Amino acid sequence: MGNLLYLIAVILIIFWAVGFFAYSAGGIIHVLLVIAIIAILLRVIQGDRIIK
């Protein structure tokens, strides 16, 4: 689940970068950036919890 969250965050950052330079997507790109940053922060805070 953590890898999927990280993958989604990376994809959102890529979309934000493309939209930032294209100026065609408007404010939704910045919302995607915020979501991606939150996802990355959650991943860093949670870390890799291994259940034995």
N, C-alpha and C. Protein backbone atom coordinates (compact mmCIF):
# COMPACT_ATOMS: atom_id res chain seq x y z
N MET A 1 0.83 -1.20 0.00
CA MET A 1 0.00 0.00 0.00
C MET A 1 0.86 1.25 0.00
N GLY A 2 1.97 1.19 0.73
CA GLY A 2 2.85 2.35 0.81
C GLY A 2 3.50 2.66 -0.53
N ASN A 3 3.87 1.62 -1.27
CA ASN A 3 4.48 1.84 -2.58
C ASN A 3 3.48 2.47 -3.54
N LEU A 4 2.22 2.08 -3.43
CA LEU A 4 1.20 2.65 -4.30
C LEU A 4 1.00 4.13 -3.98
N LEU A 5 1.01 4.48 -2.70
CA LEU A 5 0.88 5.88 -2.30
C LEU A 5 2.04 6.70 -2.82
N TYR A 6 3.23 6.15 -2.73
CA TYR A 6 4.41 6.83 -3.23
C TYR A 6 4.35 7.01 -4.74
N LEU A 7 3.89 5.99 -5.45
CA LEU A 7 3.75 6.06 -6.90
C LEU A 7 2.75 7.14 -7.31
N ILE A 8 1.63 7.20 -6.62
CA ILE A 8 0.62 8.21 -6.92
C ILE A 8 1.18 9.61 -6.67
N ALA A 9 1.93 9.78 -5.60
CA ALA A 9 2.53 11.08 -5.30
C ALA A 9 3.50 11.50 -6.39
N VAL A 10 4.31 10.59 -6.87
CA VAL A 10 5.27 10.90 -7.93
C VAL A 10 4.54 11.27 -9.22
N ILE A 11 3.49 10.53 -9.54
CA ILE A 11 2.70 10.84 -10.74
C ILE A 11 2.07 12.22 -10.63
N LEU A 12 1.54 12.55 -9.46
CA LEU A 12 0.93 13.87 -9.27
C LEU A 12 1.96 14.99 -9.40
N ILE A 13 3.15 14.75 -8.90
CA ILE A 13 4.21 15.77 -9.04
C ILE A 13 4.58 15.96 -10.51
N ILE A 14 4.64 14.88 -11.25
CA ILE A 14 4.94 14.99 -12.69
C ILE A 14 3.85 15.76 -13.40
N PHE A 15 2.58 15.44 -13.09
CA PHE A 15 1.47 16.18 -13.70
C PHE A 15 1.52 17.65 -13.33
N TRP A 16 1.89 17.94 -12.08
CA TRP A 16 1.98 19.33 -11.66
C TRP A 16 3.07 20.05 -12.45
N ALA A 17 4.22 19.41 -12.62
CA ALA A 17 5.32 20.04 -13.35
C ALA A 17 4.92 20.32 -14.79
N VAL A 18 4.25 19.36 -15.42
CA VAL A 18 3.81 19.55 -16.81
C VAL A 18 2.80 20.70 -16.87
N GLY A 19 1.84 20.70 -15.98
CA GLY A 19 0.83 21.76 -15.97
C GLY A 19 1.39 23.12 -15.61
N PHE A 20 2.39 23.13 -14.73
CA PHE A 20 2.99 24.40 -14.33
C PHE A 20 3.66 25.08 -15.51
N PHE A 21 4.30 24.29 -16.34
CA PHE A 21 4.98 24.88 -17.50
C PHE A 21 4.04 25.09 -18.68
N ALA A 22 2.93 24.41 -18.71
CA ALA A 22 1.99 24.56 -19.82
C ALA A 22 0.97 25.66 -19.55
N TYR A 23 0.69 25.98 -18.31
CA TYR A 23 -0.27 27.02 -17.91
C TYR A 23 -1.68 26.76 -18.44
N SER A 24 -2.00 25.53 -18.76
CA SER A 24 -3.31 25.28 -19.35
C SER A 24 -4.30 24.66 -18.38
N ALA A 25 -3.82 24.13 -17.27
CA ALA A 25 -4.72 23.42 -16.37
C ALA A 25 -5.26 24.29 -15.25
N GLY A 26 -4.74 25.47 -15.08
CA GLY A 26 -5.27 26.39 -14.08
C GLY A 26 -4.95 25.97 -12.66
N GLY A 27 -5.90 26.22 -11.74
CA GLY A 27 -5.67 26.00 -10.32
C GLY A 27 -5.64 24.54 -9.90
N ILE A 28 -6.20 23.65 -10.70
CA ILE A 28 -6.26 22.25 -10.31
C ILE A 28 -4.86 21.64 -10.18
N ILE A 29 -3.90 22.17 -10.91
CA ILE A 29 -2.54 21.66 -10.84
C ILE A 29 -1.95 21.89 -9.45
N HIS A 30 -2.25 23.03 -8.86
CA HIS A 30 -1.72 23.32 -7.55
C HIS A 30 -2.39 22.45 -6.48
N VAL A 31 -3.63 22.10 -6.71
CA VAL A 31 -4.31 21.17 -5.81
C VAL A 31 -3.63 19.80 -5.90
N LEU A 32 -3.29 19.37 -7.09
CA LEU A 32 -2.58 18.11 -7.26
C LEU A 32 -1.23 18.13 -6.56
N LEU A 33 -0.55 19.27 -6.63
CA LEU A 33 0.74 19.39 -5.95
C LEU A 33 0.58 19.25 -4.45
N VAL A 34 -0.41 19.88 -3.89
CA VAL A 34 -0.65 19.78 -2.45
C VAL A 34 -0.95 18.34 -2.06
N ILE A 35 -1.77 17.65 -2.84
CA ILE A 35 -2.09 16.26 -2.56
C ILE A 35 -0.83 15.40 -2.63
N ALA A 36 0.02 15.65 -3.61
CA ALA A 36 1.25 14.88 -3.74
C ALA A 36 2.18 15.12 -2.56
N ILE A 37 2.29 16.36 -2.12
CA ILE A 37 3.16 16.66 -0.98
C ILE A 37 2.63 16.00 0.29
N ILE A 38 1.32 16.02 0.48
CA ILE A 38 0.72 15.36 1.64
C ILE A 38 0.99 13.87 1.59
N ALA A 39 0.87 13.27 0.42
CA ALA A 39 1.12 11.83 0.28
C ALA A 39 2.57 11.50 0.60
N ILE A 40 3.49 12.32 0.14
CA ILE A 40 4.91 12.07 0.43
C ILE A 40 5.20 12.25 1.91
N LEU A 41 4.62 13.28 2.53
CA LEU A 41 4.82 13.48 3.96
C LEU A 41 4.27 12.32 4.77
N LEU A 42 3.11 11.80 4.39
CA LEU A 42 2.56 10.64 5.08
C LEU A 42 3.49 9.44 4.95
N ARG A 43 4.05 9.27 3.79
CA ARG A 43 4.97 8.15 3.55
C ARG A 43 6.21 8.29 4.42
N VAL A 44 6.75 9.50 4.53
CA VAL A 44 7.95 9.74 5.33
C VAL A 44 7.64 9.56 6.81
N ILE A 45 6.51 10.08 7.25
CA ILE A 45 6.15 9.99 8.67
C ILE A 45 5.88 8.54 9.07
N GLN A 46 5.16 7.80 8.24
CA GLN A 46 4.83 6.42 8.57
C GLN A 46 6.04 5.51 8.47
N GLY A 47 6.92 5.77 7.55
CA GLY A 47 8.09 4.93 7.37
C GLY A 47 7.70 3.55 6.86
N ASP A 48 8.64 2.64 6.93
CA ASP A 48 8.39 1.26 6.51
C ASP A 48 8.10 0.42 7.75
N ARG A 49 6.85 0.21 8.02
CA ARG A 49 6.45 -0.61 9.17
C ARG A 49 6.34 -2.05 8.73
N ILE A 50 7.17 -2.88 9.29
CA ILE A 50 7.17 -4.29 8.94
C ILE A 50 6.48 -5.05 10.07
N ILE A 51 5.42 -5.76 9.71
CA ILE A 51 4.68 -6.54 10.70
C ILE A 51 5.18 -7.98 10.63
N LYS A 52 5.68 -8.48 11.77
CA LYS A 52 6.22 -9.85 11.81
C LYS A 52 5.21 -10.81 12.39
